[in-house]
């Protein structure tokens, strides 16, 4: 069985910076969605695909500097992904900034299903 968390980072650069000098919320959300997909993808059967069903994020305050988006599963959730041929679950995500604050939290509802033949 794979890991129970995946972290994806974004370095603060001009092309991802918003009007208040932080990383744009949509760019940070994309990092969280990518981390979730990687995490679920390592647990699904080889003949399955992973799709995002719902994105829910709460923007609590502006982020400062580089960010890290982390997706987490419980061991029970990871087991369910490994054993069920199809299903969906809400993967918890947090986005932490360079100051150690958590300006964005939420979940990505990820689904997996067998590939069409």
PDB file of N, CA and C in Angstrom:
ATOM      1  N   UNK A   1       0.848  -1.177   0.000  1.00  0.00           N
ATOM      2  CA  UNK A   1       0.000   0.000   0.000  1.00  0.00           C
ATOM      3  C   UNK A   1       0.889   1.233   0.000  1.00  0.00           C
ATOM      4  N   UNK A   2       0.441   2.303  -0.623  1.00  0.00           N
ATOM      5  CA  UNK A   2       1.222   3.529  -0.756  1.00  0.00           C
ATOM      6  C   UNK A   2       1.186   4.402   0.482  1.00  0.00           C
ATOM      7  N   UNK A   3       1.543   5.623   0.259  1.00  0.00           N
ATOM      8  CA  UNK A   3       1.589   6.602   1.337  1.00  0.00           C
ATOM      9  C   UNK A   3       0.177   7.052   1.721  1.00  0.00           C
ATOM     10  N   UNK A   4       0.114   7.744   2.869  1.00  0.00           N
ATOM     11  CA  UNK A   4      -1.162   8.301   3.331  1.00  0.00           C
ATOM     12  C   UNK A   4      -1.226   9.805   3.155  1.00  0.00           C
ATOM     13  N   UNK A   5      -0.155  10.407   2.616  1.00  0.00           N
ATOM     14  CA  UNK A   5      -0.220  11.828   2.297  1.00  0.00           C
ATOM     15  C   UNK A   5       0.750  12.146   1.172  1.00  0.00           C
ATOM     16  N   UNK A   6       0.392  13.173   0.393  1.00  0.00           N
ATOM     17  CA  UNK A   6       1.228  13.686  -0.688  1.00  0.00           C
ATOM     18  C   UNK A   6       1.226  15.200  -0.565  1.00  0.00           C
ATOM     19  N   UNK A   7       2.407  15.805  -0.732  1.00  0.00           N
ATOM     20  CA  UNK A   7       2.545  17.257  -0.678  1.00  0.00           C
ATOM     21  C   UNK A   7       3.117  17.764  -1.995  1.00  0.00           C
ATOM     22  N   UNK A   8       2.508  18.831  -2.512  1.00  0.00           N
ATOM     23  CA  UNK A   8       2.955  19.484  -3.741  1.00  0.00           C
ATOM     24  C   UNK A   8       3.208  20.943  -3.399  1.00  0.00           C
ATOM     25  N   UNK A   9       4.344  21.475  -3.818  1.00  0.00           N
ATOM     26  CA  UNK A   9       4.687  22.857  -3.503  1.00  0.00           C
ATOM     27  C   UNK A   9       4.634  23.766  -4.714  1.00  0.00           C
ATOM     28  N   UNK A  10       4.427  25.045  -4.435  1.00  0.00           N
ATOM     29  CA  UNK A  10       4.515  26.088  -5.460  1.00  0.00           C
ATOM     30  C   UNK A  10       5.399  27.199  -4.902  1.00  0.00           C
ATOM     31  N   UNK A  11       6.388  27.572  -5.696  1.00  0.00           N
ATOM     32  CA  UNK A  11       7.281  28.662  -5.334  1.00  0.00           C
ATOM     33  C   UNK A  11       6.645  29.975  -5.777  1.00  0.00           C
ATOM     34  N   UNK A  12       6.698  30.980  -4.905  1.00  0.00           N
ATOM     35  CA  UNK A  12       6.137  32.296  -5.236  1.00  0.00           C
ATOM     36  C   UNK A  12       6.977  32.938  -6.339  1.00  0.00           C
ATOM     37  N   UNK A  13       6.381  33.070  -7.505  1.00  0.00           N
ATOM     38  CA  UNK A  13       6.994  33.736  -8.653  1.00  0.00           C
ATOM     39  C   UNK A  13       5.959  34.675  -9.244  1.00  0.00           C
ATOM     40  N   UNK A  14       6.414  35.588 -10.040  1.00  0.00           N
ATOM     41  CA  UNK A  14       5.520  36.602 -10.583  1.00  0.00           C
ATOM     42  C   UNK A  14       4.309  36.006 -11.301  1.00  0.00           C
ATOM     43  N   UNK A  15       4.500  34.945 -12.068  1.00  0.00           N
ATOM     44  CA  UNK A  15       3.397  34.404 -12.877  1.00  0.00           C
ATOM     45  C   UNK A  15       2.281  33.756 -12.058  1.00  0.00           C
ATOM     46  N   UNK A  16       2.529  33.428 -10.788  1.00  0.00           N
ATOM     47  CA  UNK A  16       1.476  32.846  -9.950  1.00  0.00           C
ATOM     48  C   UNK A  16       1.040  33.796  -8.834  1.00  0.00           C
ATOM     49  N   UNK A  17       1.550  35.016  -8.856  1.00  0.00           N
ATOM     50  CA  UNK A  17       1.265  35.977  -7.798  1.00  0.00           C
ATOM     51  C   UNK A  17      -0.035  36.726  -8.089  1.00  0.00           C
ATOM     52  N   UNK A  18      -0.807  36.959  -7.031  1.00  0.00           N
ATOM     53  CA  UNK A  18      -2.058  37.703  -7.170  1.00  0.00           C
ATOM     54  C   UNK A  18      -1.851  39.189  -6.855  1.00  0.00           C
ATOM     55  N   UNK A  19      -2.925  39.943  -6.789  1.00  0.00           N
ATOM     56  CA  UNK A  19      -2.848  41.391  -6.580  1.00  0.00           C
ATOM     57  C   UNK A  19      -2.390  41.796  -5.183  1.00  0.00           C
ATOM     58  N   UNK A  20      -2.383  40.880  -4.211  1.00  0.00           N
ATOM     59  CA  UNK A  20      -1.905  41.207  -2.860  1.00  0.00           C
ATOM     60  C   UNK A  20      -0.538  40.580  -2.571  1.00  0.00           C
ATOM     61  N   UNK A  21       0.104  40.034  -3.611  1.00  0.00           N
ATOM     62  CA  UNK A  21       1.471  39.541  -3.471  1.00  0.00           C
ATOM     63  C   UNK A  21       1.629  38.097  -3.067  1.00  0.00           C
ATOM     64  N   UNK A  22       0.535  37.363  -2.922  1.00  0.00           N
ATOM     65  CA  UNK A  22       0.619  35.941  -2.570  1.00  0.00           C
ATOM     66  C   UNK A  22       0.371  35.078  -3.795  1.00  0.00           C
ATOM     67  N   UNK A  23       0.430  33.780  -3.609  1.00  0.00           N
ATOM     68  CA  UNK A  23       0.116  32.852  -4.697  1.00  0.00           C
ATOM     69  C   UNK A  23      -1.397  32.852  -4.889  1.00  0.00           C
ATOM     70  N   UNK A  24      -1.817  32.977  -6.131  1.00  0.00           N
ATOM     71  CA  UNK A  24      -3.243  33.049  -6.438  1.00  0.00           C
ATOM     72  C   UNK A  24      -3.965  31.825  -5.874  1.00  0.00           C
ATOM     73  N   UNK A  25      -5.154  32.029  -5.325  1.00  0.00           N
ATOM     74  CA  UNK A  25      -5.924  30.955  -4.690  1.00  0.00           C
ATOM     75  C   UNK A  25      -6.213  29.805  -5.643  1.00  0.00           C
ATOM     76  N   UNK A  26      -6.441  30.119  -6.907  1.00  0.00           N
ATOM     77  CA  UNK A  26      -6.721  29.058  -7.872  1.00  0.00           C
ATOM     78  C   UNK A  26      -5.468  28.222  -8.125  1.00  0.00           C
ATOM     79  N   UNK A  27      -4.302  28.838  -8.165  1.00  0.00           N
ATOM     80  CA  UNK A  27      -3.056  28.078  -8.324  1.00  0.00           C
ATOM     81  C   UNK A  27      -2.837  27.174  -7.113  1.00  0.00           C
ATOM     82  N   UNK A  28      -3.090  27.688  -5.919  1.00  0.00           N
ATOM     83  CA  UNK A  28      -2.949  26.883  -4.699  1.00  0.00           C
ATOM     84  C   UNK A  28      -3.943  25.722  -4.701  1.00  0.00           C
ATOM     85  N   UNK A  29      -5.159  25.979  -5.160  1.00  0.00           N
ATOM     86  CA  UNK A  29      -6.179  24.931  -5.235  1.00  0.00           C
ATOM     87  C   UNK A  29      -5.778  23.861  -6.249  1.00  0.00           C
ATOM     88  N   UNK A  30      -5.185  24.276  -7.360  1.00  0.00           N
ATOM     89  CA  UNK A  30      -4.707  23.310  -8.346  1.00  0.00           C
ATOM     90  C   UNK A  30      -3.642  22.399  -7.738  1.00  0.00           C
ATOM     91  N   UNK A  31      -2.750  22.945  -6.925  1.00  0.00           N
ATOM     92  CA  UNK A  31      -1.740  22.119  -6.262  1.00  0.00           C
ATOM     93  C   UNK A  31      -2.406  21.096  -5.345  1.00  0.00           C
ATOM     94  N   UNK A  32      -3.450  21.501  -4.639  1.00  0.00           N
ATOM     95  CA  UNK A  32      -4.177  20.581  -3.751  1.00  0.00           C
ATOM     96  C   UNK A  32      -4.888  19.489  -4.551  1.00  0.00           C
ATOM     97  N   UNK A  33      -5.463  19.861  -5.687  1.00  0.00           N
ATOM     98  CA  UNK A  33      -6.140  18.871  -6.532  1.00  0.00           C
ATOM     99  C   UNK A  33      -5.128  17.883  -7.098  1.00  0.00           C
ATOM    100  N   UNK A  34      -3.962  18.374  -7.490  1.00  0.00           N
ATOM    101  CA  UNK A  34      -2.916  17.512  -8.027  1.00  0.00           C
ATOM    102  C   UNK A  34      -2.413  16.536  -6.957  1.00  0.00           C
ATOM    103  N   UNK A  35      -2.187  17.050  -5.751  1.00  0.00           N
ATOM    104  CA  UNK A  35      -1.747  16.186  -4.648  1.00  0.00           C
ATOM    105  C   UNK A  35      -2.785  15.105  -4.369  1.00  0.00           C
ATOM    106  N   UNK A  36      -4.056  15.462  -4.398  1.00  0.00           N
ATOM    107  CA  UNK A  36      -5.134  14.486  -4.157  1.00  0.00           C
ATOM    108  C   UNK A  36      -5.162  13.411  -5.228  1.00  0.00           C
ATOM    109  N   UNK A  37      -5.020  13.822  -6.480  1.00  0.00           N
ATOM    110  CA  UNK A  37      -5.012  12.864  -7.576  1.00  0.00           C
ATOM    111  C   UNK A  37      -3.836  11.905  -7.494  1.00  0.00           C
ATOM    112  N   UNK A  38      -2.660  12.437  -7.150  1.00  0.00           N
ATOM    113  CA  UNK A  38      -1.487  11.570  -6.985  1.00  0.00           C
ATOM    114  C   UNK A  38      -1.701  10.579  -5.847  1.00  0.00           C
ATOM    115  N   UNK A  39      -2.264  11.065  -4.763  1.00  0.00           N
ATOM    116  CA  UNK A  39      -2.469  10.216  -3.594  1.00  0.00           C
ATOM    117  C   UNK A  39      -3.457   9.091  -3.878  1.00  0.00           C
ATOM    118  N   UNK A  40      -4.601   9.425  -4.424  1.00  0.00           N
ATOM    119  CA  UNK A  40      -5.605   8.401  -4.732  1.00  0.00           C
ATOM    120  C   UNK A  40      -5.086   7.481  -5.838  1.00  0.00           C
ATOM    121  N   UNK A  41      -4.405   8.060  -6.824  1.00  0.00           N
ATOM    122  CA  UNK A  41      -3.899   7.281  -7.951  1.00  0.00           C
ATOM    123  C   UNK A  41      -2.935   6.176  -7.569  1.00  0.00           C
ATOM    124  N   UNK A  42      -2.196   6.362  -6.487  1.00  0.00           N
ATOM    125  CA  UNK A  42      -1.262   5.308  -6.100  1.00  0.00           C
ATOM    126  C   UNK A  42      -1.935   4.147  -5.373  1.00  0.00           C
ATOM    127  N   UNK A  43      -3.213   4.295  -5.043  1.00  0.00           N
ATOM    128  CA  UNK A  43      -3.935   3.239  -4.326  1.00  0.00           C
ATOM    129  C   UNK A  43      -4.933   2.483  -5.198  1.00  0.00           C
ATOM    130  N   UNK A  44      -5.374   3.068  -6.300  1.00  0.00           N
ATOM    131  CA  UNK A  44      -6.393   2.412  -7.123  1.00  0.00           C
ATOM    132  C   UNK A  44      -5.808   1.220  -7.867  1.00  0.00           C
ATOM    133  N   UNK A  45      -6.668   0.271  -8.262  1.00  0.00           N
ATOM    134  CA  UNK A  45      -6.185  -0.834  -9.096  1.00  0.00           C
ATOM    135  C   UNK A  45      -5.598  -0.296 -10.404  1.00  0.00           C
ATOM    136  N   UNK A  46      -4.719  -1.073 -11.023  1.00  0.00           N
ATOM    137  CA  UNK A  46      -4.058  -0.647 -12.258  1.00  0.00           C
ATOM    138  C   UNK A  46      -5.032  -0.379 -13.403  1.00  0.00           C
ATOM    139  N   UNK A  47      -6.205  -1.004 -13.373  1.00  0.00           N
ATOM    140  CA  UNK A  47      -7.170  -0.823 -14.457  1.00  0.00           C
ATOM    141  C   UNK A  47      -8.217   0.247 -14.150  1.00  0.00           C
ATOM    142  N   UNK A  48      -7.906   1.150 -13.226  1.00  0.00           N
ATOM    143  CA  UNK A  48      -8.873   2.198 -12.848  1.00  0.00           C
ATOM    144  C   UNK A  48      -8.358   3.573 -13.251  1.00  0.00           C
ATOM    145  N   UNK A  49      -9.295   4.505 -13.376  1.00  0.00           N
ATOM    146  CA  UNK A  49      -8.949   5.909 -13.587  1.00  0.00           C
ATOM    147  C   UNK A  49      -9.451   6.709 -12.386  1.00  0.00           C
ATOM    148  N   UNK A  50      -8.846   7.865 -12.174  1.00  0.00           N
ATOM    149  CA  UNK A  50      -9.208   8.745 -11.067  1.00  0.00           C
ATOM    150  C   UNK A  50      -9.706  10.061 -11.654  1.00  0.00           C
ATOM    151  N   UNK A  51     -10.837  10.541 -11.145  1.00  0.00           N
ATOM    152  CA  UNK A  51     -11.383  11.830 -11.573  1.00  0.00           C
ATOM    153  C   UNK A  51     -11.795  12.630 -10.345  1.00  0.00           C
ATOM    154  N   UNK A  52     -11.725  13.944 -10.469  1.00  0.00           N
ATOM    155  CA  UNK A  52     -12.185  14.807  -9.386  1.00  0.00           C
ATOM    156  C   UNK A  52     -13.671  15.067  -9.604  1.00  0.00           C
ATOM    157  N   UNK A  53     -14.469  14.922  -8.553  1.00  0.00           N
ATOM    158  CA  UNK A  53     -15.913  15.163  -8.625  1.00  0.00           C
ATOM    159  C   UNK A  53     -16.277  16.527  -8.069  1.00  0.00           C
ATOM    160  N   UNK A  54     -15.666  16.884  -6.943  1.00  0.00           N
ATOM    161  CA  UNK A  54     -15.993  18.137  -6.264  1.00  0.00           C
ATOM    162  C   UNK A  54     -14.724  18.745  -5.704  1.00  0.00           C
ATOM    163  N   UNK A  55     -14.627  20.053  -5.820  1.00  0.00           N
ATOM    164  CA  UNK A  55     -13.541  20.800  -5.184  1.00  0.00           C
ATOM    165  C   UNK A  55     -14.186  21.757  -4.192  1.00  0.00           C
ATOM    166  N   UNK A  56     -13.788  21.651  -2.930  1.00  0.00           N
ATOM    167  CA  UNK A  56     -14.307  22.550  -1.898  1.00  0.00           C
ATOM    168  C   UNK A  56     -13.121  23.090  -1.105  1.00  0.00           C
ATOM    169  N   UNK A  57     -12.915  24.407  -1.189  1.00  0.00           N
ATOM    170  CA  UNK A  57     -11.846  25.027  -0.415  1.00  0.00           C
ATOM    171  C   UNK A  57     -12.407  26.238   0.328  1.00  0.00           C
ATOM    172  N   UNK A  58     -11.837  26.485   1.488  1.00  0.00           N
ATOM    173  CA  UNK A  58     -12.180  27.662   2.282  1.00  0.00           C
ATOM    174  C   UNK A  58     -10.954  28.548   2.354  1.00  0.00           C
ATOM    175  N   UNK A  59     -11.098  29.762   1.847  1.00  0.00           N
ATOM    176  CA  UNK A  59     -10.014  30.728   1.829  1.00  0.00           C
ATOM    177  C   UNK A  59     -10.121  31.559   3.104  1.00  0.00           C
ATOM    178  N   UNK A  60      -9.238  31.302   4.042  1.00  0.00           N
ATOM    179  CA  UNK A  60      -9.309  31.940   5.358  1.00  0.00           C
ATOM    180  C   UNK A  60      -8.580  33.280   5.419  1.00  0.00           C
ATOM    181  N   UNK A  61      -7.456  33.374   4.726  1.00  0.00           N
ATOM    182  CA  UNK A  61      -6.677  34.617   4.705  1.00  0.00           C
ATOM    183  C   UNK A  61      -5.667  34.526   3.578  1.00  0.00           C
ATOM    184  N   UNK A  62      -5.041  35.651   3.212  1.00  0.00           N
ATOM    185  CA  UNK A  62      -4.035  35.611   2.144  1.00  0.00           C
ATOM    186  C   UNK A  62      -2.830  34.758   2.557  1.00  0.00           C
ATOM    187  N   UNK A  63      -2.237  34.087   1.576  1.00  0.00           N
ATOM    188  CA  UNK A  63      -1.030  33.312   1.859  1.00  0.00           C
ATOM    189  C   UNK A  63       0.199  34.193   1.652  1.00  0.00           C
ATOM    190  N   UNK A  64       1.285  33.814   2.299  1.00  0.00           N
ATOM    191  CA  UNK A  64       2.527  34.577   2.251  1.00  0.00           C
ATOM    192  C   UNK A  64       3.665  33.676   1.790  1.00  0.00           C
ATOM    193  N   UNK A  65       4.284  34.002   0.677  1.00  0.00           N
ATOM    194  CA  UNK A  65       5.442  33.251   0.200  1.00  0.00           C
ATOM    195  C   UNK A  65       5.072  31.945  -0.465  1.00  0.00           C
ATOM    196  N   UNK A  66       6.022  31.013  -0.474  1.00  0.00           N
ATOM    197  CA  UNK A  66       5.810  29.686  -1.070  1.00  0.00           C
ATOM    198  C   UNK A  66       4.701  28.957  -0.322  1.00  0.00           C
ATOM    199  N   UNK A  67       4.064  28.025  -1.018  1.00  0.00           N
ATOM    200  CA  UNK A  67       3.017  27.227  -0.364  1.00  0.00           C
ATOM    201  C   UNK A  67       3.278  25.743  -0.545  1.00  0.00           C
ATOM    202  N   UNK A  68       2.691  24.955   0.360  1.00  0.00           N
ATOM    203  CA  UNK A  68       2.702  23.492   0.274  1.00  0.00           C
ATOM    204  C   UNK A  68       1.259  23.026   0.411  1.00  0.00           C
ATOM    205  N   UNK A  69       0.782  22.296  -0.591  1.00  0.00           N
ATOM    206  CA  UNK A  69      -0.559  21.720  -0.558  1.00  0.00           C
ATOM    207  C   UNK A  69      -0.423  20.242  -0.223  1.00  0.00           C
ATOM    208  N   UNK A  70      -1.097  19.820   0.847  1.00  0.00           N
ATOM    209  CA  UNK A  70      -0.995  18.432   1.297  1.00  0.00           C
ATOM    210  C   UNK A  70      -2.363  17.776   1.296  1.00  0.00           C
ATOM    211  N   UNK A  71      -2.430  16.601   0.667  1.00  0.00           N
ATOM    212  CA  UNK A  71      -3.635  15.763   0.659  1.00  0.00           C
ATOM    213  C   UNK A  71      -3.374  14.580   1.577  1.00  0.00           C
ATOM    214  N   UNK A  72      -4.393  14.202   2.370  1.00  0.00           N
ATOM    215  CA  UNK A  72      -4.227  13.121   3.344  1.00  0.00           C
ATOM    216  C   UNK A  72      -5.367  12.110   3.263  1.00  0.00           C
ATOM    217  N   UNK A  73      -4.997  10.846   3.449  1.00  0.00           N
ATOM    218  CA  UNK A  73      -5.954   9.756   3.591  1.00  0.00           C
ATOM    219  C   UNK A  73      -5.713   9.081   4.930  1.00  0.00           C
ATOM    220  N   UNK A  74      -6.766   8.498   5.483  1.00  0.00           N
ATOM    221  CA  UNK A  74      -6.585   7.621   6.637  1.00  0.00           C
ATOM    222  C   UNK A  74      -6.214   6.240   6.095  1.00  0.00           C
ATOM    223  N   UNK A  75      -5.618   5.382   6.916  1.00  0.00           N
ATOM    224  CA  UNK A  75      -5.345   4.013   6.452  1.00  0.00           C
ATOM    225  C   UNK A  75      -6.617   3.286   5.992  1.00  0.00           C
ATOM    226  N   UNK A  76      -7.730   3.545   6.649  1.00  0.00           N
ATOM    227  CA  UNK A  76      -9.004   2.920   6.264  1.00  0.00           C
ATOM    228  C   UNK A  76      -9.447   3.392   4.876  1.00  0.00           C
ATOM    229  N   UNK A  77      -9.296   4.679   4.611  1.00  0.00           N
ATOM    230  CA  UNK A  77      -9.661   5.198   3.285  1.00  0.00           C
ATOM    231  C   UNK A  77      -8.770   4.584   2.209  1.00  0.00           C
ATOM    232  N   UNK A  78      -7.481   4.481   2.487  1.00  0.00           N
ATOM    233  CA  UNK A  78      -6.547   3.882   1.520  1.00  0.00           C
ATOM    234  C   UNK A  78      -6.925   2.431   1.239  1.00  0.00           C
ATOM    235  N   UNK A  79      -7.300   1.683   2.267  1.00  0.00           N
ATOM    236  CA  UNK A  79      -7.720   0.289   2.081  1.00  0.00           C
ATOM    237  C   UNK A  79      -8.972   0.205   1.211  1.00  0.00           C
ATOM    238  N   UNK A  80      -9.921   1.105   1.452  1.00  0.00           N
ATOM    239  CA  UNK A  80     -11.154   1.097   0.657  1.00  0.00           C
ATOM    240  C   UNK A  80     -10.853   1.348  -0.819  1.00  0.00           C
ATOM    241  N   UNK A  81      -9.951   2.260  -1.105  1.00  0.00           N
ATOM    242  CA  UNK A  81      -9.586   2.541  -2.497  1.00  0.00           C
ATOM    243  C   UNK A  81      -8.972   1.305  -3.141  1.00  0.00           C
ATOM    244  N   UNK A  82      -8.146   0.594  -2.391  1.00  0.00           N
ATOM    245  CA  UNK A  82      -7.473  -0.606  -2.914  1.00  0.00           C
ATOM    246  C   UNK A  82      -8.430  -1.758  -3.173  1.00  0.00           C
ATOM    247  N   UNK A  83      -9.491  -1.845  -2.378  1.00  0.00           N
ATOM    248  CA  UNK A  83     -10.350  -3.026  -2.448  1.00  0.00           C
ATOM    249  C   UNK A  83     -11.648  -2.825  -3.230  1.00  0.00           C
ATOM    250  N   UNK A  84     -12.103  -1.597  -3.382  1.00  0.00           N
ATOM    251  CA  UNK A  84     -13.354  -1.342  -4.101  1.00  0.00           C
ATOM    252  C   UNK A  84     -13.054  -1.073  -5.578  1.00  0.00           C
ATOM    253  N   UNK A  85     -13.767  -1.719  -6.511  1.00  0.00           N
ATOM    254  CA  UNK A  85     -13.495  -1.484  -7.931  1.00  0.00           C
ATOM    255  C   UNK A  85     -13.874  -0.077  -8.385  1.00  0.00           C
ATOM    256  N   UNK A  86     -14.829   0.541  -7.689  1.00  0.00           N
ATOM    257  CA  UNK A  86     -15.149   1.938  -7.963  1.00  0.00           C
ATOM    258  C   UNK A  86     -15.716   2.560  -6.705  1.00  0.00           C
ATOM    259  N   UNK A  87     -15.630   3.869  -6.629  1.00  0.00           N
ATOM    260  CA  UNK A  87     -16.134   4.576  -5.462  1.00  0.00           C
ATOM    261  C   UNK A  87     -15.670   6.016  -5.476  1.00  0.00           C
ATOM    262  N   UNK A  88     -15.949   6.712  -4.388  1.00  0.00           N
ATOM    263  CA  UNK A  88     -15.480   8.090  -4.246  1.00  0.00           C
ATOM    264  C   UNK A  88     -15.317   8.397  -2.762  1.00  0.00           C
ATOM    265  N   UNK A  89     -14.466   9.383  -2.489  1.00  0.00           N
ATOM    266  CA  UNK A  89     -14.290   9.844  -1.115  1.00  0.00           C
ATOM    267  C   UNK A  89     -13.752  11.258  -1.113  1.00  0.00           C
ATOM    268  N   UNK A  90     -13.953  11.906   0.010  1.00  0.00           N
ATOM    269  CA  UNK A  90     -13.474  13.274   0.185  1.00  0.00           C
ATOM    270  C   UNK A  90     -12.072  13.230   0.793  1.00  0.00           C
ATOM    271  N   UNK A  91     -11.104  13.702   0.025  1.00  0.00           N
ATOM    272  CA  UNK A  91      -9.714  13.720   0.463  1.00  0.00           C
ATOM    273  C   UNK A  91      -9.442  15.074   1.115  1.00  0.00           C
ATOM    274  N   UNK A  92      -9.040  15.050   2.362  1.00  0.00           N
ATOM    275  CA  UNK A  92      -8.743  16.266   3.108  1.00  0.00           C
ATOM    276  C   UNK A  92      -7.498  16.946   2.544  1.00  0.00           C
ATOM    277  N   UNK A  93      -7.567  18.283   2.350  1.00  0.00           N
ATOM    278  CA  UNK A  93      -6.421  19.042   1.866  1.00  0.00           C
ATOM    279  C   UNK A  93      -6.177  20.256   2.754  1.00  0.00           C
ATOM    280  N   UNK A  94      -4.897  20.572   2.939  1.00  0.00           N
ATOM    281  CA  UNK A  94      -4.508  21.807   3.621  1.00  0.00           C
ATOM    282  C   UNK A  94      -3.429  22.478   2.796  1.00  0.00           C
ATOM    283  N   UNK A  95      -3.450  23.787   2.815  1.00  0.00           N
ATOM    284  CA  UNK A  95      -2.430  24.566   2.125  1.00  0.00           C
ATOM    285  C   UNK A  95      -1.754  25.435   3.159  1.00  0.00           C
ATOM    286  N   UNK A  96      -0.453  25.193   3.316  1.00  0.00           N
ATOM    287  CA  UNK A  96       0.349  25.909   4.310  1.00  0.00           C
ATOM    288  C   UNK A  96       1.279  26.876   3.579  1.00  0.00           C
ATOM    289  N   UNK A  97       1.451  28.077   4.157  1.00  0.00           N
ATOM    290  CA  UNK A  97       2.341  29.042   3.517  1.00  0.00           C
ATOM    291  C   UNK A  97       3.713  29.054   4.187  1.00  0.00           C
ATOM    292  N   UNK A  98       4.580  29.945   3.716  1.00  0.00           N
ATOM    293  CA  UNK A  98       5.959  30.009   4.199  1.00  0.00           C
ATOM    294  C   UNK A  98       6.048  30.411   5.667  1.00  0.00           C
ATOM    295  N   UNK A  99       5.011  31.036   6.203  1.00  0.00           N
ATOM    296  CA  UNK A  99       5.002  31.433   7.615  1.00  0.00           C
ATOM    297  C   UNK A  99       4.433  30.339   8.521  1.00  0.00           C
ATOM    298  N   UNK A 100       4.106  29.183   7.946  1.00  0.00           N
ATOM    299  CA  UNK A 100       3.544  28.083   8.735  1.00  0.00           C
ATOM    300  C   UNK A 100       2.060  28.220   9.002  1.00  0.00           C
ATOM    301  N   UNK A 101       1.421  29.207   8.392  1.00  0.00           N
ATOM    302  CA  UNK A 101      -0.021  29.402   8.539  1.00  0.00           C
ATOM    303  C   UNK A 101      -0.762  28.491   7.563  1.00  0.00           C
ATOM    304  N   UNK A 102      -2.033  28.247   7.839  1.00  0.00           N
ATOM    305  CA  UNK A 102      -2.885  27.439   6.961  1.00  0.00           C
ATOM    306  C   UNK A 102      -4.005  28.324   6.423  1.00  0.00           C
ATOM    307  N   UNK A 103      -3.720  29.076   5.352  1.00  0.00           N
ATOM    308  CA  UNK A 103      -4.725  30.007   4.836  1.00  0.00           C
ATOM    309  C   UNK A 103      -5.853  29.356   4.048  1.00  0.00           C
ATOM    310  N   UNK A 104      -5.640  28.116   3.595  1.00  0.00           N
ATOM    311  CA  UNK A 104      -6.656  27.434   2.793  1.00  0.00           C
ATOM    312  C   UNK A 104      -6.793  25.991   3.281  1.00  0.00           C
ATOM    313  N   UNK A 105      -8.040  25.557   3.491  1.00  0.00           N
ATOM    314  CA  UNK A 105      -8.333  24.172   3.845  1.00  0.00           C
ATOM    315  C   UNK A 105      -9.508  23.707   2.997  1.00  0.00           C
ATOM    316  N   UNK A 106      -9.739  22.417   2.987  1.00  0.00           N
ATOM    317  CA  UNK A 106     -10.891  21.915   2.257  1.00  0.00           C
ATOM    318  C   UNK A 106     -10.770  20.445   1.951  1.00  0.00           C
ATOM    319  N   UNK A 107     -11.441  20.041   0.870  1.00  0.00           N
ATOM    320  CA  UNK A 107     -11.379  18.655   0.429  1.00  0.00           C
ATOM    321  C   UNK A 107     -11.559  18.593  -1.076  1.00  0.00           C
ATOM    322  N   UNK A 108     -11.073  17.503  -1.634  1.00  0.00           N
ATOM    323  CA  UNK A 108     -11.277  17.166  -3.036  1.00  0.00           C
ATOM    324  C   UNK A 108     -12.029  15.842  -3.043  1.00  0.00           C
ATOM    325  N   UNK A 109     -13.218  15.827  -3.580  1.00  0.00           N
ATOM    326  CA  UNK A 109     -13.927  14.560  -3.701  1.00  0.00           C
ATOM    327  C   UNK A 109     -13.423  13.867  -4.957  1.00  0.00           C
ATOM    328  N   UNK A 110     -12.723  12.772  -4.742  1.00  0.00           N
ATOM    329  CA  UNK A 110     -12.096  12.031  -5.829  1.00  0.00           C
ATOM    330  C   UNK A 110     -12.861  10.731  -6.053  1.00  0.00           C
ATOM    331  N   UNK A 111     -13.063  10.381  -7.314  1.00  0.00           N
ATOM    332  CA  UNK A 111     -13.737   9.129  -7.663  1.00  0.00           C
ATOM    333  C   UNK A 111     -12.775   8.264  -8.470  1.00  0.00           C
ATOM    334  N   UNK A 112     -12.964   6.971  -8.365  1.00  0.00           N
ATOM    335  CA  UNK A 112     -12.197   6.040  -9.184  1.00  0.00           C
ATOM    336  C   UNK A 112     -13.161   5.027  -9.771  1.00  0.00           C
ATOM    337  N   UNK A 113     -12.876   4.603 -10.989  1.00  0.00           N
ATOM    338  CA  UNK A 113     -13.732   3.644 -11.679  1.00  0.00           C
ATOM    339  C   UNK A 113     -12.909   2.892 -12.711  1.00  0.00           C
ATOM    340  N   UNK A 114     -13.392   1.717 -13.114  1.00  0.00           N
ATOM    341  CA  UNK A 114     -12.639   0.932 -14.108  1.00  0.00           C
ATOM    342  C   UNK A 114     -12.558   1.689 -15.433  1.00  0.00           C
ATOM    343  N   UNK A 115     -11.423   1.539 -16.120  1.00  0.00           N
ATOM    344  CA  UNK A 115     -11.277   2.124 -17.454  1.00  0.00           C
ATOM    345  C   UNK A 115     -12.254   1.445 -18.394  1.00  0.00           C
ATOM    346  N   UNK A 116     -12.785   2.238 -19.327  1.00  0.00           N
ATOM    347  CA  UNK A 116     -13.669   1.646 -20.353  1.00  0.00           C
ATOM    348  C   UNK A 116     -12.815   0.878 -21.345  1.00  0.00           C
ATOM    349  N   UNK A 117     -13.339  -0.171 -21.821  1.00  0.00           N
ATOM    350  CA  UNK A 117     -12.595  -0.998 -22.779  1.00  0.00           C
ATOM    351  C   UNK A 117     -12.950  -0.635 -24.186  1.00  0.00           C
TER     352      UNK A 117
END
